[in-house]
Protein backbone atom coordinates (compact mmCIF):
# COMPACT_ATOMS: atom_id res chain seq x y z
CA VAL A 1 -88.95 14.68 13.16
CA VAL A 2 -86.49 13.82 10.37
CA PRO A 3 -84.86 16.10 8.89
CA HIS A 4 -83.47 15.12 5.54
CA GLY A 5 -79.79 16.30 5.04
CA GLU A 6 -77.77 17.74 7.55
CA GLY A 7 -78.81 20.18 10.57
CA SER A 8 -79.54 20.32 14.08
CA GLU A 9 -82.93 19.97 16.08
CA GLU A 10 -83.68 22.30 18.78
CA ALA A 11 -86.58 20.25 19.85
CA SER A 12 -85.96 16.99 19.47
CA ASP A 13 -89.67 16.19 19.23
CA PRO A 14 -92.84 18.93 19.63
CA PHE A 15 -94.74 16.68 20.05
CA LEU A 16 -93.05 14.90 22.98
CA GLY A 17 -96.04 15.73 25.38
CA TYR A 18 -99.02 14.08 23.45
CA PRO A 19 -99.23 10.12 23.45
CA GLY A 20 -100.41 7.78 20.78
CA ASP A 21 -99.91 6.37 17.24
CA ARG A 22 -98.38 9.43 14.80
CA ILE A 23 -98.69 9.91 10.64
CA LEU A 24 -95.74 11.71 8.72
CA LEU A 25 -95.59 14.75 7.58
CA SER A 26 -93.66 15.27 4.60
CA GLY A 27 -92.88 18.29 2.33
CA SER A 28 -89.84 20.27 1.05
CA LEU A 29 -88.26 24.10 1.63
CA THR A 30 -87.06 26.01 -0.62
CA CYS A 31 -85.25 29.08 -0.77
CA GLU A 32 -85.77 31.78 -2.84
CA LEU A 33 -81.97 32.80 -2.29
CA GLU A 34 -79.06 30.51 -1.27
CA CYS A 35 -79.57 29.30 2.45
CA GLU A 36 -77.85 26.80 4.48
CA LEU A 37 -80.46 26.03 7.85
CA ILE A 38 -83.90 27.34 8.09
CA ASP A 39 -86.10 27.81 11.40
CA LEU A 40 -89.05 25.47 11.18
CA ASP A 41 -91.53 26.78 13.88
CA LEU A 42 -94.74 24.65 14.58
CA PHE A 43 -97.59 26.21 15.99
CA GLN A 44 -101.23 24.63 17.23
CA PRO A 45 -103.99 27.76 16.96
CA THR A 46 -105.70 27.66 20.47
CA ASP A 47 -108.28 30.21 22.18
CA ASP A 48 -105.94 30.03 24.81
CA THR A 49 -103.24 31.89 24.11
CA PRO A 50 -102.28 35.45 23.01
CA GLY A 51 -102.39 35.50 19.20
CA GLY A 52 -104.46 32.59 18.96
CA ARG A 53 -101.58 30.39 18.57
CA LYS A 54 -99.69 27.90 20.86
CA MET A 55 -95.82 27.34 19.99
CA LEU A 56 -94.85 23.94 19.68
CA GLY A 57 -91.47 23.92 18.76
CA LYS A 58 -88.77 24.16 16.31
CA ILE A 59 -86.52 22.81 14.34
CA LYS A 60 -83.79 23.44 12.38
CA VAL A 61 -83.48 21.91 8.85
CA PRO A 62 -81.52 22.30 5.78
CA PRO A 63 -83.55 23.15 2.30
CA GLY A 64 -84.96 20.14 0.83
CA ASP A 65 -87.19 17.44 2.05
CA TYR A 66 -88.23 17.14 5.72
CA GLU A 67 -90.74 14.71 7.55
CA LEU A 68 -91.97 15.66 10.80
CA ASN A 69 -93.75 12.61 12.81
CA VAL A 70 -97.08 14.52 13.89
CA PRO A 71 -99.59 12.81 16.46
CA ILE A 72 -102.80 10.81 14.83
CA ASP A 73 -105.70 12.99 15.09
CA PHE A 74 -103.75 15.98 15.83
CA GLY A 75 -106.26 18.68 14.14
CA ALA A 76 -104.81 21.96 12.93
CA LEU A 77 -101.01 22.48 12.43
CA VAL A 78 -99.40 26.03 11.27
CA LEU A 79 -95.89 25.66 9.63
CA GLU A 80 -93.62 28.93 9.29
CA ALA A 81 -90.17 28.58 8.24
CA PHE A 82 -87.59 31.72 7.88
CA VAL A 83 -83.77 32.32 7.64
CA ASP A 84 -82.40 35.08 9.84
CA PHE A 85 -79.33 35.43 8.24
CA ASN A 86 -78.11 38.41 10.72
CA ASN A 87 -79.36 36.46 13.35
CA ASP A 88 -81.02 39.28 15.38
CA GLY A 89 -84.66 37.73 14.74
CA PRO A 90 -86.90 37.03 11.24
CA GLY A 91 -86.86 40.83 9.34
CA VAL A 92 -86.54 42.95 6.76
CA GLY A 93 -84.40 40.93 3.79
CA ASP A 94 -84.51 37.58 5.78
CA LEU A 95 -86.61 34.83 3.68
CA MET A 96 -89.83 33.97 5.35
CA GLY A 97 -92.86 31.63 4.22
CA ARG A 98 -95.72 29.79 5.71
CA TYR A 99 -97.24 26.66 4.24
CA ILE A 100 -99.50 27.67 1.65
CA ASP A 101 -102.89 25.92 2.64
CA SER A 102 -102.40 26.83 6.59
CA PRO A 103 -103.39 25.23 9.26
CA VAL A 104 -102.54 21.55 7.96
CA GLN A 105 -105.61 19.64 9.23
CA VAL A 106 -103.93 16.45 10.66
CA PHE A 107 -106.35 13.13 10.77
CA GLY A 108 -105.53 9.77 10.32
CA GLN A 109 -103.46 9.60 7.08
CA ASP A 110 -99.99 10.86 5.98
CA ILE A 111 -99.53 14.19 4.83
CA SER A 112 -97.34 15.18 1.77
CA ASN A 113 -96.75 18.15 -0.47
CA VAL A 114 -96.44 20.45 2.65
CA ASP A 115 -93.96 22.68 0.48
CA ILE A 116 -92.99 26.00 2.02
CA LEU A 117 -91.26 28.53 -0.56
CA LEU A 118 -88.82 31.55 1.50
CA SER A 119 -88.58 34.33 -0.02
CA ALA A 120 -87.35 37.81 0.98
CA SER A 121 -89.77 40.18 2.88
CA GLU A 122 -89.79 43.53 2.01
CA SER A 123 -91.91 44.29 5.29
CA GLY A 124 -89.80 42.25 7.76
CA LYS A 125 -93.20 40.29 8.81
CA MET A 126 -94.29 36.37 8.06
CA PRO A 127 -96.34 36.79 4.59
CA MET A 128 -100.13 35.70 5.64
CA GLY A 129 -101.88 35.39 2.27
CA GLU A 130 -105.45 34.70 3.21
CA ALA A 131 -106.56 35.36 6.59
CA PRO A 132 -106.38 32.02 8.22
CA PRO A 133 -109.64 30.62 10.02
CA PRO A 134 -110.38 31.38 13.75
CA PRO A 135 -109.02 29.11 16.45
CA PRO A 136 -111.50 26.31 16.73
CA LEU A 137 -113.80 28.05 19.65
CA GLN A 138 -112.95 31.58 18.21
CA LYS A 139 -115.93 33.57 17.38
CA GLU A 140 -116.05 36.48 15.48
CA ASN A 141 -117.35 39.75 16.79
CA PRO A 142 -120.83 40.17 14.91
CA PRO A 143 -121.35 43.53 13.20
CA LYS A 144 -122.80 46.63 15.20
CA PRO A 145 -125.49 48.17 13.76
């Protein structure tokens, strides 16, 4: 993980347990209001975890450009970001955002322009946009007659 500018990383490498070569995933984090430090959470969609996703890690970075070294052919990766102004967990009035085309599909090439705009949450919940696709092996329940 290579944040641009000052910041602290909670996890030195969210992909530490994944061997092999890496690609570079990059983008920018932009706050609607002034902010100093952003929590960037990384998730992997999965059928094996309640909620359909596994938390890979969290990094704290300043707004602006960021870069992540992600294992080649990692597959689906969800990026969500927030600013917790009161240090009480993300909630109403805190800035939140997610990559608009989530999940990112990581294959063999570098990925750029994974940009996230963080805006004030009126509901206290992460903006979800369109419903994300189900995890890789999850089947939708067929309609009942």
